[in-house]
């Protein structure tokens, strides 16, 4: 279920789409998006947890804060806001067992 988000999706008519996997769920996304945009569009506000257990997710969307780190195709530490989506990509929360080496 999508969570309330301060972001509003703009129309993407005529754009190419592709399929990625977000935490085990197949998702169709615009091919021009970043992983952070795909997470937000599919209701995933948090993608990792801080040491104190607080949820963290895309914040600055410019690569400065490092709050949006995720595992991509089994490799941890990717900044979701700087990583373009790719066909078949598997995105996992950084603290999930699948995202850890």
PDB file of N, CA and C in Angstrom:
ATOM      1  N   UNK A   1       0.851  -1.173   0.000  1.00  0.00           N
ATOM      2  CA  UNK A   1       0.000   0.000   0.000  1.00  0.00           C
ATOM      3  C   UNK A   1       0.898   1.239   0.000  1.00  0.00           C
ATOM      4  N   UNK A   2       0.725   2.154  -0.956  1.00  0.00           N
ATOM      5  CA  UNK A   2       1.530   3.367  -0.990  1.00  0.00           C
ATOM      6  C   UNK A   2       1.296   4.227   0.255  1.00  0.00           C
ATOM      7  N   UNK A   3       2.379   4.790   0.751  1.00  0.00           N
ATOM      8  CA  UNK A   3       2.271   5.677   1.904  1.00  0.00           C
ATOM      9  C   UNK A   3       2.100   7.113   1.426  1.00  0.00           C
ATOM     10  N   UNK A   4       1.661   7.973   2.334  1.00  0.00           N
ATOM     11  CA  UNK A   4       1.517   9.381   1.985  1.00  0.00           C
ATOM     12  C   UNK A   4       2.901   9.939   1.670  1.00  0.00           C
ATOM     13  N   UNK A   5       3.018  10.656   0.604  1.00  0.00           N
ATOM     14  CA  UNK A   5       4.305  11.203   0.189  1.00  0.00           C
ATOM     15  C   UNK A   5       4.136  12.666  -0.182  1.00  0.00           C
ATOM     16  N   UNK A   6       5.130  13.485   0.125  1.00  0.00           N
ATOM     17  CA  UNK A   6       5.048  14.885  -0.271  1.00  0.00           C
ATOM     18  C   UNK A   6       5.336  15.078  -1.761  1.00  0.00           C
ATOM     19  N   UNK A   7       5.725  13.998  -2.451  1.00  0.00           N
ATOM     20  CA  UNK A   7       6.062  14.099  -3.863  1.00  0.00           C
ATOM     21  C   UNK A   7       4.839  13.785  -4.714  1.00  0.00           C
ATOM     22  N   UNK A   8       4.691  14.529  -5.803  1.00  0.00           N
ATOM     23  CA  UNK A   8       3.588  14.321  -6.734  1.00  0.00           C
ATOM     24  C   UNK A   8       4.171  13.838  -8.053  1.00  0.00           C
ATOM     25  N   UNK A   9       3.661  12.699  -8.533  1.00  0.00           N
ATOM     26  CA  UNK A   9       4.158  12.157  -9.792  1.00  0.00           C
ATOM     27  C   UNK A   9       3.614  12.979 -10.957  1.00  0.00           C
ATOM     28  N   UNK A  10       4.506  13.428 -11.827  1.00  0.00           N
ATOM     29  CA  UNK A  10       4.107  14.162 -13.018  1.00  0.00           C
ATOM     30  C   UNK A  10       3.759  13.174 -14.127  1.00  0.00           C
ATOM     31  N   UNK A  11       2.933  13.587 -15.080  1.00  0.00           N
ATOM     32  CA  UNK A  11       2.585  12.686 -16.173  1.00  0.00           C
ATOM     33  C   UNK A  11       3.831  12.258 -16.950  1.00  0.00           C
ATOM     34  N   UNK A  12       3.877  10.998 -17.336  1.00  0.00           N
ATOM     35  CA  UNK A  12       5.021  10.488 -18.101  1.00  0.00           C
ATOM     36  C   UNK A  12       4.525   9.830 -19.387  1.00  0.00           C
ATOM     37  N   UNK A  13       3.612  10.471 -20.055  1.00  0.00           N
ATOM     38  CA  UNK A  13       3.019   9.916 -21.259  1.00  0.00           C
ATOM     39  C   UNK A  13       4.073   9.645 -22.323  1.00  0.00           C
ATOM     40  N   UNK A  14       3.951   8.485 -22.939  1.00  0.00           N
ATOM     41  CA  UNK A  14       4.815   8.146 -24.059  1.00  0.00           C
ATOM     42  C   UNK A  14       6.207   7.708 -23.660  1.00  0.00           C
ATOM     43  N   UNK A  15       6.496   7.635 -22.376  1.00  0.00           N
ATOM     44  CA  UNK A  15       7.823   7.220 -21.951  1.00  0.00           C
ATOM     45  C   UNK A  15       7.968   5.705 -21.965  1.00  0.00           C
ATOM     46  N   UNK A  16       9.171   5.246 -22.219  1.00  0.00           N
ATOM     47  CA  UNK A  16       9.461   3.817 -22.188  1.00  0.00           C
ATOM     48  C   UNK A  16       9.418   3.330 -20.739  1.00  0.00           C
ATOM     49  N   UNK A  17       8.920   2.126 -20.538  1.00  0.00           N
ATOM     50  CA  UNK A  17       8.890   1.548 -19.200  1.00  0.00           C
ATOM     51  C   UNK A  17       9.744   0.288 -19.170  1.00  0.00           C
ATOM     52  N   UNK A  18      10.097  -0.119 -17.963  1.00  0.00           N
ATOM     53  CA  UNK A  18      10.813  -1.366 -17.776  1.00  0.00           C
ATOM     54  C   UNK A  18      10.419  -1.963 -16.441  1.00  0.00           C
ATOM     55  N   UNK A  19      10.828  -3.184 -16.207  1.00  0.00           N
ATOM     56  CA  UNK A  19      10.438  -3.888 -14.995  1.00  0.00           C
ATOM     57  C   UNK A  19      11.648  -4.070 -14.078  1.00  0.00           C
ATOM     58  N   UNK A  20      11.455  -3.718 -12.802  1.00  0.00           N
ATOM     59  CA  UNK A  20      12.475  -3.942 -11.793  1.00  0.00           C
ATOM     60  C   UNK A  20      11.809  -4.665 -10.619  1.00  0.00           C
ATOM     61  N   UNK A  21      12.609  -5.154  -9.716  1.00  0.00           N
ATOM     62  CA  UNK A  21      12.119  -5.846  -8.535  1.00  0.00           C
ATOM     63  C   UNK A  21      12.481  -4.998  -7.318  1.00  0.00           C
ATOM     64  N   UNK A  22      11.484  -4.580  -6.548  1.00  0.00           N
ATOM     65  CA  UNK A  22      11.729  -3.804  -5.328  1.00  0.00           C
ATOM     66  C   UNK A  22      11.338  -4.674  -4.151  1.00  0.00           C
ATOM     67  N   UNK A  23      12.340  -5.148  -3.437  1.00  0.00           N
ATOM     68  CA  UNK A  23      12.125  -5.956  -2.235  1.00  0.00           C
ATOM     69  C   UNK A  23      11.198  -7.140  -2.504  1.00  0.00           C
ATOM     70  N   UNK A  24      11.438  -7.817  -3.623  1.00  0.00           N
ATOM     71  CA  UNK A  24      10.664  -9.007  -3.951  1.00  0.00           C
ATOM     72  C   UNK A  24       9.385  -8.760  -4.729  1.00  0.00           C
ATOM     73  N   UNK A  25       9.042  -7.501  -4.977  1.00  0.00           N
ATOM     74  CA  UNK A  25       7.817  -7.167  -5.707  1.00  0.00           C
ATOM     75  C   UNK A  25       8.159  -6.634  -7.099  1.00  0.00           C
ATOM     76  N   UNK A  26       7.618  -7.231  -8.159  1.00  0.00           N
ATOM     77  CA  UNK A  26       7.866  -6.687  -9.495  1.00  0.00           C
ATOM     78  C   UNK A  26       7.170  -5.340  -9.650  1.00  0.00           C
ATOM     79  N   UNK A  27       7.868  -4.388 -10.248  1.00  0.00           N
ATOM     80  CA  UNK A  27       7.331  -3.033 -10.439  1.00  0.00           C
ATOM     81  C   UNK A  27       7.666  -2.548 -11.840  1.00  0.00           C
ATOM     82  N   UNK A  28       6.690  -1.950 -12.498  1.00  0.00           N
ATOM     83  CA  UNK A  28       6.911  -1.327 -13.799  1.00  0.00           C
ATOM     84  C   UNK A  28       7.187   0.145 -13.542  1.00  0.00           C
ATOM     85  N   UNK A  29       8.313   0.634 -14.079  1.00  0.00           N
ATOM     86  CA  UNK A  29       8.743   2.008 -13.827  1.00  0.00           C
ATOM     87  C   UNK A  29       9.109   2.696 -15.139  1.00  0.00           C
ATOM     88  N   UNK A  30       9.126   4.005 -15.105  1.00  0.00           N
ATOM     89  CA  UNK A  30       9.563   4.792 -16.243  1.00  0.00           C
ATOM     90  C   UNK A  30      11.069   4.592 -16.409  1.00  0.00           C
ATOM     91  N   UNK A  31      11.514   4.339 -17.617  1.00  0.00           N
ATOM     92  CA  UNK A  31      12.930   4.066 -17.881  1.00  0.00           C
ATOM     93  C   UNK A  31      13.836   5.259 -17.587  1.00  0.00           C
ATOM     94  N   UNK A  32      13.259   6.455 -17.429  1.00  0.00           N
ATOM     95  CA  UNK A  32      14.063   7.660 -17.164  1.00  0.00           C
ATOM     96  C   UNK A  32      14.251   7.920 -15.678  1.00  0.00           C
ATOM     97  N   UNK A  33      13.639   7.118 -14.822  1.00  0.00           N
ATOM     98  CA  UNK A  33      13.686   7.344 -13.383  1.00  0.00           C
ATOM     99  C   UNK A  33      14.977   6.867 -12.752  1.00  0.00           C
ATOM    100  N   UNK A  34      15.227   7.385 -11.547  1.00  0.00           N
ATOM    101  CA  UNK A  34      16.270   6.833 -10.690  1.00  0.00           C
ATOM    102  C   UNK A  34      15.615   5.777  -9.806  1.00  0.00           C
ATOM    103  N   UNK A  35      16.442   5.014  -9.109  1.00  0.00           N
ATOM    104  CA  UNK A  35      15.915   4.020  -8.176  1.00  0.00           C
ATOM    105  C   UNK A  35      15.115   4.718  -7.071  1.00  0.00           C
ATOM    106  N   UNK A  36      15.578   5.879  -6.602  1.00  0.00           N
ATOM    107  CA  UNK A  36      14.840   6.618  -5.565  1.00  0.00           C
ATOM    108  C   UNK A  36      13.450   7.008  -6.055  1.00  0.00           C
ATOM    109  N   UNK A  37      13.337   7.473  -7.286  1.00  0.00           N
ATOM    110  CA  UNK A  37      12.025   7.834  -7.832  1.00  0.00           C
ATOM    111  C   UNK A  37      11.123   6.604  -7.890  1.00  0.00           C
ATOM    112  N   UNK A  38      11.685   5.462  -8.265  1.00  0.00           N
ATOM    113  CA  UNK A  38      10.896   4.226  -8.311  1.00  0.00           C
ATOM    114  C   UNK A  38      10.438   3.823  -6.913  1.00  0.00           C
ATOM    115  N   UNK A  39      11.321   3.939  -5.913  1.00  0.00           N
ATOM    116  CA  UNK A  39      10.943   3.620  -4.538  1.00  0.00           C
ATOM    117  C   UNK A  39       9.793   4.501  -4.075  1.00  0.00           C
ATOM    118  N   UNK A  40       9.908   5.791  -4.302  1.00  0.00           N
ATOM    119  CA  UNK A  40       8.878   6.738  -3.875  1.00  0.00           C
ATOM    120  C   UNK A  40       7.563   6.456  -4.605  1.00  0.00           C
ATOM    121  N   UNK A  41       7.637   6.242  -5.917  1.00  0.00           N
ATOM    122  CA  UNK A  41       6.429   6.006  -6.707  1.00  0.00           C
ATOM    123  C   UNK A  41       5.701   4.731  -6.284  1.00  0.00           C
ATOM    124  N   UNK A  42       6.434   3.782  -5.736  1.00  0.00           N
ATOM    125  CA  UNK A  42       5.821   2.515  -5.339  1.00  0.00           C
ATOM    126  C   UNK A  42       5.629   2.418  -3.829  1.00  0.00           C
ATOM    127  N   UNK A  43       5.579   3.588  -3.174  1.00  0.00           N
ATOM    128  CA  UNK A  43       5.196   3.638  -1.771  1.00  0.00           C
ATOM    129  C   UNK A  43       6.252   3.197  -0.784  1.00  0.00           C
ATOM    130  N   UNK A  44       7.483   3.133  -1.210  1.00  0.00           N
ATOM    131  CA  UNK A  44       8.561   2.695  -0.316  1.00  0.00           C
ATOM    132  C   UNK A  44       9.301   3.934   0.200  1.00  0.00           C
ATOM    133  N   UNK A  45       8.845   4.476   1.336  1.00  0.00           N
ATOM    134  CA  UNK A  45       9.444   5.692   1.892  1.00  0.00           C
ATOM    135  C   UNK A  45      10.779   5.416   2.568  1.00  0.00           C
ATOM    136  N   UNK A  46      10.949   4.237   3.142  1.00  0.00           N
ATOM    137  CA  UNK A  46      12.195   3.894   3.830  1.00  0.00           C
ATOM    138  C   UNK A  46      12.902   2.775   3.080  1.00  0.00           C
ATOM    139  N   UNK A  47      14.216   2.856   3.009  1.00  0.00           N
ATOM    140  CA  UNK A  47      14.986   1.812   2.332  1.00  0.00           C
ATOM    141  C   UNK A  47      16.116   1.273   3.205  1.00  0.00           C
ATOM    142  N   UNK A  48      16.248   1.793   4.398  1.00  0.00           N
ATOM    143  CA  UNK A  48      17.231   1.276   5.346  1.00  0.00           C
ATOM    144  C   UNK A  48      16.859   1.764   6.741  1.00  0.00           C
ATOM    145  N   UNK A  49      17.601   1.316   7.735  1.00  0.00           N
ATOM    146  CA  UNK A  49      17.384   1.770   9.110  1.00  0.00           C
ATOM    147  C   UNK A  49      18.701   2.308   9.662  1.00  0.00           C
ATOM    148  N   UNK A  50      18.605   3.368  10.437  1.00  0.00           N
ATOM    149  CA  UNK A  50      19.780   3.933  11.102  1.00  0.00           C
ATOM    150  C   UNK A  50      20.172   3.020  12.259  1.00  0.00           C
ATOM    151  N   UNK A  51      21.300   3.265  12.853  1.00  0.00           N
ATOM    152  CA  UNK A  51      21.780   2.451  13.971  1.00  0.00           C
ATOM    153  C   UNK A  51      20.749   2.383  15.090  1.00  0.00           C
ATOM    154  N   UNK A  52      20.029   3.484  15.326  1.00  0.00           N
ATOM    155  CA  UNK A  52      19.027   3.498  16.400  1.00  0.00           C
ATOM    156  C   UNK A  52      17.688   2.896  15.970  1.00  0.00           C
ATOM    157  N   UNK A  53      17.616   2.365  14.751  1.00  0.00           N
ATOM    158  CA  UNK A  53      16.408   1.712  14.277  1.00  0.00           C
ATOM    159  C   UNK A  53      15.436   2.611  13.529  1.00  0.00           C
ATOM    160  N   UNK A  54      15.717   3.895  13.460  1.00  0.00           N
ATOM    161  CA  UNK A  54      14.827   4.820  12.760  1.00  0.00           C
ATOM    162  C   UNK A  54      14.894   4.577  11.247  1.00  0.00           C
ATOM    163  N   UNK A  55      13.745   4.586  10.566  1.00  0.00           N
ATOM    164  CA  UNK A  55      13.742   4.384   9.117  1.00  0.00           C
ATOM    165  C   UNK A  55      14.382   5.559   8.388  1.00  0.00           C
ATOM    166  N   UNK A  56      15.080   5.247   7.321  1.00  0.00           N
ATOM    167  CA  UNK A  56      15.726   6.259   6.481  1.00  0.00           C
ATOM    168  C   UNK A  56      15.352   5.991   5.030  1.00  0.00           C
ATOM    169  N   UNK A  57      15.258   7.036   4.244  1.00  0.00           N
ATOM    170  CA  UNK A  57      14.921   6.895   2.836  1.00  0.00           C
ATOM    171  C   UNK A  57      15.371   8.109   2.056  1.00  0.00           C
ATOM    172  N   UNK A  58      14.979   8.199   0.792  1.00  0.00           N
ATOM    173  CA  UNK A  58      15.374   9.336  -0.029  1.00  0.00           C
ATOM    174  C   UNK A  58      15.019  10.654   0.658  1.00  0.00           C
ATOM    175  N   UNK A  59      15.993  11.549   0.740  1.00  0.00           N
ATOM    176  CA  UNK A  59      15.792  12.827   1.430  1.00  0.00           C
ATOM    177  C   UNK A  59      16.192  13.990   0.533  1.00  0.00           C
ATOM    178  N   UNK A  60      17.470  14.093   0.190  1.00  0.00           N
ATOM    179  CA  UNK A  60      17.929  15.258  -0.580  1.00  0.00           C
ATOM    180  C   UNK A  60      17.741  15.058  -2.089  1.00  0.00           C
ATOM    181  N   UNK A  61      17.717  13.806  -2.522  1.00  0.00           N
ATOM    182  CA  UNK A  61      17.568  13.440  -3.944  1.00  0.00           C
ATOM    183  C   UNK A  61      18.644  14.051  -4.839  1.00  0.00           C
ATOM    184  N   UNK A  62      19.815  14.346  -4.249  1.00  0.00           N
ATOM    185  CA  UNK A  62      20.914  14.905  -5.044  1.00  0.00           C
ATOM    186  C   UNK A  62      22.256  14.257  -4.729  1.00  0.00           C
ATOM    187  N   UNK A  63      22.283  13.211  -3.925  1.00  0.00           N
ATOM    188  CA  UNK A  63      23.521  12.501  -3.642  1.00  0.00           C
ATOM    189  C   UNK A  63      24.338  13.038  -2.490  1.00  0.00           C
ATOM    190  N   UNK A  64      23.803  13.963  -1.733  1.00  0.00           N
ATOM    191  CA  UNK A  64      24.554  14.588  -0.654  1.00  0.00           C
ATOM    192  C   UNK A  64      24.406  13.845   0.674  1.00  0.00           C
ATOM    193  N   UNK A  65      23.216  13.369   0.993  1.00  0.00           N
ATOM    194  CA  UNK A  65      22.942  12.891   2.357  1.00  0.00           C
ATOM    195  C   UNK A  65      23.205  11.399   2.591  1.00  0.00           C
ATOM    196  N   UNK A  66      23.243  10.572   1.579  1.00  0.00           N
ATOM    197  CA  UNK A  66      23.474   9.127   1.703  1.00  0.00           C
ATOM    198  C   UNK A  66      22.375   8.391   2.475  1.00  0.00           C
ATOM    199  N   UNK A  67      21.211   8.972   2.641  1.00  0.00           N
ATOM    200  CA  UNK A  67      20.111   8.322   3.359  1.00  0.00           C
ATOM    201  C   UNK A  67      19.399   7.274   2.516  1.00  0.00           C
ATOM    202  N   UNK A  68      19.586   7.282   1.223  1.00  0.00           N
ATOM    203  CA  UNK A  68      18.834   6.401   0.332  1.00  0.00           C
ATOM    204  C   UNK A  68      19.624   5.169  -0.113  1.00  0.00           C
ATOM    205  N   UNK A  69      20.602   4.758   0.650  1.00  0.00           N
ATOM    206  CA  UNK A  69      21.414   3.603   0.246  1.00  0.00           C
ATOM    207  C   UNK A  69      20.578   2.330   0.188  1.00  0.00           C
ATOM    208  N   UNK A  70      20.773   1.577  -0.888  1.00  0.00           N
ATOM    209  CA  UNK A  70      20.071   0.307  -1.106  1.00  0.00           C
ATOM    210  C   UNK A  70      21.046  -0.711  -1.673  1.00  0.00           C
ATOM    211  N   UNK A  71      20.633  -1.974  -1.612  1.00  0.00           N
ATOM    212  CA  UNK A  71      21.358  -3.014  -2.323  1.00  0.00           C
ATOM    213  C   UNK A  71      20.778  -3.136  -3.717  1.00  0.00           C
ATOM    214  N   UNK A  72      21.644  -3.261  -4.698  1.00  0.00           N
ATOM    215  CA  UNK A  72      21.189  -3.452  -6.081  1.00  0.00           C
ATOM    216  C   UNK A  72      21.903  -4.668  -6.640  1.00  0.00           C
ATOM    217  N   UNK A  73      21.116  -5.644  -7.052  1.00  0.00           N
ATOM    218  CA  UNK A  73      21.637  -6.897  -7.591  1.00  0.00           C
ATOM    219  C   UNK A  73      22.657  -7.534  -6.652  1.00  0.00           C
ATOM    220  N   UNK A  74      22.366  -7.465  -5.340  1.00  0.00           N
ATOM    221  CA  UNK A  74      23.201  -8.112  -4.342  1.00  0.00           C
ATOM    222  C   UNK A  74      24.406  -7.317  -3.877  1.00  0.00           C
ATOM    223  N   UNK A  75      24.576  -6.097  -4.370  1.00  0.00           N
ATOM    224  CA  UNK A  75      25.710  -5.261  -3.966  1.00  0.00           C
ATOM    225  C   UNK A  75      25.185  -4.095  -3.139  1.00  0.00           C
ATOM    226  N   UNK A  76      25.581  -3.991  -1.862  1.00  0.00           N
ATOM    227  CA  UNK A  76      25.060  -2.929  -0.990  1.00  0.00           C
ATOM    228  C   UNK A  76      25.718  -1.583  -1.253  1.00  0.00           C
ATOM    229  N   UNK A  77      25.109  -0.534  -0.707  1.00  0.00           N
ATOM    230  CA  UNK A  77      25.723   0.794  -0.684  1.00  0.00           C
ATOM    231  C   UNK A  77      25.454   1.698  -1.865  1.00  0.00           C
ATOM    232  N   UNK A  78      24.529   1.341  -2.736  1.00  0.00           N
ATOM    233  CA  UNK A  78      24.200   2.211  -3.871  1.00  0.00           C
ATOM    234  C   UNK A  78      23.319   3.365  -3.404  1.00  0.00           C
ATOM    235  N   UNK A  79      23.614   4.554  -3.864  1.00  0.00           N
ATOM    236  CA  UNK A  79      22.738   5.690  -3.590  1.00  0.00           C
ATOM    237  C   UNK A  79      21.595   5.646  -4.599  1.00  0.00           C
ATOM    238  N   UNK A  80      20.394   5.408  -4.101  1.00  0.00           N
ATOM    239  CA  UNK A  80      19.232   5.251  -4.977  1.00  0.00           C
ATOM    240  C   UNK A  80      18.960   6.503  -5.803  1.00  0.00           C
ATOM    241  N   UNK A  81      19.249   7.673  -5.238  1.00  0.00           N
ATOM    242  CA  UNK A  81      18.940   8.914  -5.957  1.00  0.00           C
ATOM    243  C   UNK A  81      19.879   9.173  -7.137  1.00  0.00           C
ATOM    244  N   UNK A  82      21.015   8.503  -7.168  1.00  0.00           N
ATOM    245  CA  UNK A  82      21.977   8.704  -8.255  1.00  0.00           C
ATOM    246  C   UNK A  82      22.028   7.538  -9.228  1.00  0.00           C
ATOM    247  N   UNK A  83      21.266   6.488  -8.958  1.00  0.00           N
ATOM    248  CA  UNK A  83      21.333   5.276  -9.765  1.00  0.00           C
ATOM    249  C   UNK A  83      20.126   5.181 -10.683  1.00  0.00           C
ATOM    250  N   UNK A  84      20.356   5.196 -12.015  1.00  0.00           N
ATOM    251  CA  UNK A  84      19.227   5.031 -12.933  1.00  0.00           C
ATOM    252  C   UNK A  84      18.701   3.593 -12.883  1.00  0.00           C
ATOM    253  N   UNK A  85      17.408   3.432 -13.100  1.00  0.00           N
ATOM    254  CA  UNK A  85      16.839   2.090 -13.141  1.00  0.00           C
ATOM    255  C   UNK A  85      17.321   1.368 -14.393  1.00  0.00           C
ATOM    256  N   UNK A  86      17.348   0.035 -14.317  1.00  0.00           N
ATOM    257  CA  UNK A  86      17.736  -0.800 -15.456  1.00  0.00           C
ATOM    258  C   UNK A  86      16.835  -2.033 -15.473  1.00  0.00           C
ATOM    259  N   UNK A  87      16.561  -2.524 -16.655  1.00  0.00           N
ATOM    260  CA  UNK A  87      15.691  -3.683 -16.813  1.00  0.00           C
ATOM    261  C   UNK A  87      16.169  -4.847 -15.952  1.00  0.00           C
ATOM    262  N   UNK A  88      15.247  -5.423 -15.158  1.00  0.00           N
ATOM    263  CA  UNK A  88      15.547  -6.594 -14.361  1.00  0.00           C
ATOM    264  C   UNK A  88      16.302  -6.346 -13.065  1.00  0.00           C
ATOM    265  N   UNK A  89      16.616  -5.091 -12.762  1.00  0.00           N
ATOM    266  CA  UNK A  89      17.355  -4.744 -11.546  1.00  0.00           C
ATOM    267  C   UNK A  89      16.597  -5.226 -10.313  1.00  0.00           C
ATOM    268  N   UNK A  90      17.355  -5.724  -9.315  1.00  0.00           N
ATOM    269  CA  UNK A  90      16.763  -6.161  -8.050  1.00  0.00           C
ATOM    270  C   UNK A  90      17.225  -5.202  -6.952  1.00  0.00           C
ATOM    271  N   UNK A  91      16.261  -4.481  -6.373  1.00  0.00           N
ATOM    272  CA  UNK A  91      16.541  -3.480  -5.339  1.00  0.00           C
ATOM    273  C   UNK A  91      16.078  -4.028  -3.998  1.00  0.00           C
ATOM    274  N   UNK A  92      16.962  -3.990  -3.002  1.00  0.00           N
ATOM    275  CA  UNK A  92      16.620  -4.460  -1.662  1.00  0.00           C
ATOM    276  C   UNK A  92      17.035  -3.420  -0.637  1.00  0.00           C
ATOM    277  N   UNK A  93      16.311  -3.348   0.475  1.00  0.00           N
ATOM    278  CA  UNK A  93      16.717  -2.439   1.541  1.00  0.00           C
ATOM    279  C   UNK A  93      18.139  -2.779   1.972  1.00  0.00           C
ATOM    280  N   UNK A  94      18.925  -1.775   2.307  1.00  0.00           N
ATOM    281  CA  UNK A  94      20.330  -2.007   2.639  1.00  0.00           C
ATOM    282  C   UNK A  94      20.513  -2.948   3.819  1.00  0.00           C
ATOM    283  N   UNK A  95      19.576  -2.946   4.758  1.00  0.00           N
ATOM    284  CA  UNK A  95      19.746  -3.782   5.942  1.00  0.00           C
ATOM    285  C   UNK A  95      19.116  -5.166   5.816  1.00  0.00           C
ATOM    286  N   UNK A  96      18.605  -5.516   4.620  1.00  0.00           N
ATOM    287  CA  UNK A  96      18.041  -6.854   4.457  1.00  0.00           C
ATOM    288  C   UNK A  96      19.159  -7.860   4.169  1.00  0.00           C
ATOM    289  N   UNK A  97      18.971  -9.128   4.513  1.00  0.00           N
ATOM    290  CA  UNK A  97      19.999 -10.131   4.268  1.00  0.00           C
ATOM    291  C   UNK A  97      20.378 -10.243   2.782  1.00  0.00           C
ATOM    292  N   UNK A  98      19.404  -9.993   1.879  1.00  0.00           N
ATOM    293  CA  UNK A  98      19.680 -10.098   0.444  1.00  0.00           C
ATOM    294  C   UNK A  98      20.611  -9.003  -0.038  1.00  0.00           C
ATOM    295  N   UNK A  99      20.669  -7.871   0.672  1.00  0.00           N
ATOM    296  CA  UNK A  99      21.489  -6.750   0.225  1.00  0.00           C
ATOM    297  C   UNK A  99      22.907  -6.834   0.774  1.00  0.00           C
ATOM    298  N   UNK A 100      23.132  -7.700   1.742  1.00  0.00           N
ATOM    299  CA  UNK A 100      24.442  -7.799   2.360  1.00  0.00           C
ATOM    300  C   UNK A 100      25.286  -8.837   1.658  1.00  0.00           C
ATOM    301  N   UNK A 101      26.620  -8.607   1.576  1.00  0.00           N
ATOM    302  CA  UNK A 101      27.488  -9.581   0.888  1.00  0.00           C
ATOM    303  C   UNK A 101      27.573 -10.900   1.628  1.00  0.00           C
TER     304      UNK A 101
END
